[in-house]
């Protein structure tokens, strides 16, 4: 059983940066593939980035170079560094944890990019 809590969202100006955090509890964090997804109003939830325990990463093609996923297994925390933010990045960002056939989701944190 894994509980995920996102934080770090908020309002930021275009071109700015934010770092999201996802704190995990309730299971063995280091075993899970961790990820970030986002959902904008009227759109489907989409992949942002994932990272396995051994460091393998996967990014949405459109976000490579601007977003970076990282994890600190000692703190049971996953991060998403977001740079050069655009209004189109406005969405609710969700953390997830995946192991074999089980997937957990956080409640989401709102990111709004606007002047």
C-alpha atoms as a PDB file:
ATOM      1  CA  UNK A   1       0.000   0.000   0.000  1.00  0.00           C
ATOM      2  CA  UNK A   2       1.456   3.323  -1.151  1.00  0.00           C
ATOM      3  CA  UNK A   3       0.256   6.818  -0.360  1.00  0.00           C
ATOM      4  CA  UNK A   4       1.463   9.675  -2.553  1.00  0.00           C
ATOM      5  CA  UNK A   5       1.257  13.370  -1.717  1.00  0.00           C
ATOM      6  CA  UNK A   6       2.243  16.011  -4.255  1.00  0.00           C
ATOM      7  CA  UNK A   7       3.327  19.531  -3.400  1.00  0.00           C
ATOM      8  CA  UNK A   8       5.018  22.518  -4.993  1.00  0.00           C
ATOM      9  CA  UNK A   9       2.397  23.595  -7.469  1.00  0.00           C
ATOM     10  CA  UNK A  10       1.201  27.137  -7.820  1.00  0.00           C
ATOM     11  CA  UNK A  11       1.145  30.174 -10.055  1.00  0.00           C
ATOM     12  CA  UNK A  12       4.241  31.000 -12.080  1.00  0.00           C
ATOM     13  CA  UNK A  13       4.972  33.422 -14.904  1.00  0.00           C
ATOM     14  CA  UNK A  14       5.831  32.204 -18.402  1.00  0.00           C
ATOM     15  CA  UNK A  15       9.511  31.390 -18.604  1.00  0.00           C
ATOM     16  CA  UNK A  16       9.708  30.639 -14.918  1.00  0.00           C
ATOM     17  CA  UNK A  17      10.485  27.437 -13.068  1.00  0.00           C
ATOM     18  CA  UNK A  18       8.885  25.212 -10.475  1.00  0.00           C
ATOM     19  CA  UNK A  19       9.922  22.064  -8.696  1.00  0.00           C
ATOM     20  CA  UNK A  20       7.222  19.615  -7.740  1.00  0.00           C
ATOM     21  CA  UNK A  21       7.680  17.055  -5.005  1.00  0.00           C
ATOM     22  CA  UNK A  22       5.944  13.762  -4.364  1.00  0.00           C
ATOM     23  CA  UNK A  23       6.343  12.158  -0.974  1.00  0.00           C
ATOM     24  CA  UNK A  24       5.585   8.455  -0.773  1.00  0.00           C
ATOM     25  CA  UNK A  25       4.762   6.332   2.227  1.00  0.00           C
ATOM     26  CA  UNK A  26       3.264   2.980   3.108  1.00  0.00           C
ATOM     27  CA  UNK A  27       5.492   0.610   1.143  1.00  0.00           C
ATOM     28  CA  UNK A  28       8.992   0.027  -0.200  1.00  0.00           C
ATOM     29  CA  UNK A  29       9.547   3.152  -2.235  1.00  0.00           C
ATOM     30  CA  UNK A  30      12.731   2.171  -4.000  1.00  0.00           C
ATOM     31  CA  UNK A  31      11.084  -0.798  -5.728  1.00  0.00           C
ATOM     32  CA  UNK A  32       8.553   1.290  -7.647  1.00  0.00           C
ATOM     33  CA  UNK A  33       8.755   2.973 -10.977  1.00  0.00           C
ATOM     34  CA  UNK A  34       7.814   6.562 -10.214  1.00  0.00           C
ATOM     35  CA  UNK A  35       6.223   8.965 -12.610  1.00  0.00           C
ATOM     36  CA  UNK A  36       4.617  12.307 -13.254  1.00  0.00           C
ATOM     37  CA  UNK A  37       1.526  12.817 -15.367  1.00  0.00           C
ATOM     38  CA  UNK A  38      -0.583  15.859 -16.032  1.00  0.00           C
ATOM     39  CA  UNK A  39      -4.100  16.689 -17.083  1.00  0.00           C
ATOM     40  CA  UNK A  40      -5.170  20.008 -18.523  1.00  0.00           C
ATOM     41  CA  UNK A  41      -8.820  21.087 -18.615  1.00  0.00           C
ATOM     42  CA  UNK A  42     -10.661  19.260 -21.380  1.00  0.00           C
ATOM     43  CA  UNK A  43      -7.722  16.995 -22.172  1.00  0.00           C
ATOM     44  CA  UNK A  44      -6.707  13.454 -21.331  1.00  0.00           C
ATOM     45  CA  UNK A  45      -4.138  12.699 -18.706  1.00  0.00           C
ATOM     46  CA  UNK A  46      -0.733  12.429 -20.344  1.00  0.00           C
ATOM     47  CA  UNK A  47       2.709  11.171 -19.480  1.00  0.00           C
ATOM     48  CA  UNK A  48       5.258  13.718 -18.335  1.00  0.00           C
ATOM     49  CA  UNK A  49       8.124  11.534 -17.155  1.00  0.00           C
ATOM     50  CA  UNK A  50       8.960   8.284 -15.389  1.00  0.00           C
ATOM     51  CA  UNK A  51      12.018   6.977 -13.600  1.00  0.00           C
ATOM     52  CA  UNK A  52      12.890   3.479 -12.454  1.00  0.00           C
ATOM     53  CA  UNK A  53      14.943   2.680  -9.394  1.00  0.00           C
ATOM     54  CA  UNK A  54      18.019   2.027 -11.539  1.00  0.00           C
ATOM     55  CA  UNK A  55      17.783   5.466 -13.125  1.00  0.00           C
ATOM     56  CA  UNK A  56      16.129   4.701 -16.431  1.00  0.00           C
ATOM     57  CA  UNK A  57      13.968   7.631 -17.531  1.00  0.00           C
ATOM     58  CA  UNK A  58      11.235   8.219 -20.042  1.00  0.00           C
ATOM     59  CA  UNK A  59       9.914  11.630 -21.076  1.00  0.00           C
ATOM     60  CA  UNK A  60       7.186  12.941 -23.261  1.00  0.00           C
ATOM     61  CA  UNK A  61       8.954  13.973 -26.451  1.00  0.00           C
ATOM     62  CA  UNK A  62       7.628  17.512 -26.280  1.00  0.00           C
ATOM     63  CA  UNK A  63       8.992  18.028 -22.772  1.00  0.00           C
ATOM     64  CA  UNK A  64      12.522  16.730 -23.181  1.00  0.00           C
ATOM     65  CA  UNK A  65      15.024  19.409 -22.302  1.00  0.00           C
ATOM     66  CA  UNK A  66      12.639  21.433 -20.139  1.00  0.00           C
ATOM     67  CA  UNK A  67      11.447  18.936 -17.533  1.00  0.00           C
ATOM     68  CA  UNK A  68      13.614  16.656 -15.422  1.00  0.00           C
ATOM     69  CA  UNK A  69      12.514  13.858 -13.131  1.00  0.00           C
ATOM     70  CA  UNK A  70      14.633  12.755 -10.199  1.00  0.00           C
ATOM     71  CA  UNK A  71      14.221  10.665  -7.083  1.00  0.00           C
ATOM     72  CA  UNK A  72      15.725  10.487  -3.641  1.00  0.00           C
ATOM     73  CA  UNK A  73      15.153   7.008  -2.291  1.00  0.00           C
ATOM     74  CA  UNK A  74      16.476   7.984   1.118  1.00  0.00           C
ATOM     75  CA  UNK A  75      13.716  10.581   1.438  1.00  0.00           C
ATOM     76  CA  UNK A  76      11.058   8.534  -0.366  1.00  0.00           C
ATOM     77  CA  UNK A  77      10.521  11.504  -2.642  1.00  0.00           C
ATOM     78  CA  UNK A  78      10.259  12.080  -6.377  1.00  0.00           C
ATOM     79  CA  UNK A  79      10.804  15.491  -7.951  1.00  0.00           C
ATOM     80  CA  UNK A  80       9.874  17.151 -11.178  1.00  0.00           C
ATOM     81  CA  UNK A  81      11.963  20.160 -12.141  1.00  0.00           C
ATOM     82  CA  UNK A  82      10.105  22.293 -14.657  1.00  0.00           C
ATOM     83  CA  UNK A  83      11.930  25.042 -16.520  1.00  0.00           C
ATOM     84  CA  UNK A  84      10.967  27.519 -19.215  1.00  0.00           C
ATOM     85  CA  UNK A  85       7.333  27.065 -18.361  1.00  0.00           C
ATOM     86  CA  UNK A  86       4.684  27.923 -20.902  1.00  0.00           C
ATOM     87  CA  UNK A  87       0.972  28.620 -20.536  1.00  0.00           C
ATOM     88  CA  UNK A  88       0.330  25.251 -22.217  1.00  0.00           C
ATOM     89  CA  UNK A  89       1.964  23.588 -19.221  1.00  0.00           C
ATOM     90  CA  UNK A  90      -0.986  24.630 -17.078  1.00  0.00           C
ATOM     91  CA  UNK A  91      -2.497  21.449 -15.671  1.00  0.00           C
ATOM     92  CA  UNK A  92      -3.003  19.349 -12.609  1.00  0.00           C
ATOM     93  CA  UNK A  93       0.152  17.325 -12.106  1.00  0.00           C
ATOM     94  CA  UNK A  94      -0.127  13.849 -10.638  1.00  0.00           C
ATOM     95  CA  UNK A  95       2.485  11.615  -9.114  1.00  0.00           C
ATOM     96  CA  UNK A  96       2.243   7.876  -9.576  1.00  0.00           C
ATOM     97  CA  UNK A  97       3.977   4.723  -8.420  1.00  0.00           C
ATOM     98  CA  UNK A  98       3.950   1.482 -10.371  1.00  0.00           C
ATOM     99  CA  UNK A  99       5.078  -2.010  -9.480  1.00  0.00           C
ATOM    100  CA  UNK A 100       4.093  -5.005 -11.582  1.00  0.00           C
ATOM    101  CA  UNK A 101       0.287  -4.841 -11.860  1.00  0.00           C
ATOM    102  CA  UNK A 102      -0.312  -2.254  -9.144  1.00  0.00           C
ATOM    103  CA  UNK A 103      -0.454   1.500  -9.685  1.00  0.00           C
ATOM    104  CA  UNK A 104      -1.021   4.268  -7.149  1.00  0.00           C
ATOM    105  CA  UNK A 105      -1.885   7.907  -7.757  1.00  0.00           C
ATOM    106  CA  UNK A 106      -1.581  11.060  -5.736  1.00  0.00           C
ATOM    107  CA  UNK A 107      -4.320  13.655  -5.491  1.00  0.00           C
ATOM    108  CA  UNK A 108      -2.604  16.107  -7.813  1.00  0.00           C
ATOM    109  CA  UNK A 109      -1.199  19.605  -7.531  1.00  0.00           C
ATOM    110  CA  UNK A 110      -2.255  22.531  -9.686  1.00  0.00           C
ATOM    111  CA  UNK A 111       0.302  24.311 -11.836  1.00  0.00           C
ATOM    112  CA  UNK A 112      -0.811  27.516 -13.509  1.00  0.00           C
ATOM    113  CA  UNK A 113       1.478  29.368 -15.906  1.00  0.00           C
ATOM    114  CA  UNK A 114       0.228  32.867 -16.504  1.00  0.00           C
ATOM    115  CA  UNK A 115       1.390  36.455 -16.441  1.00  0.00           C
END
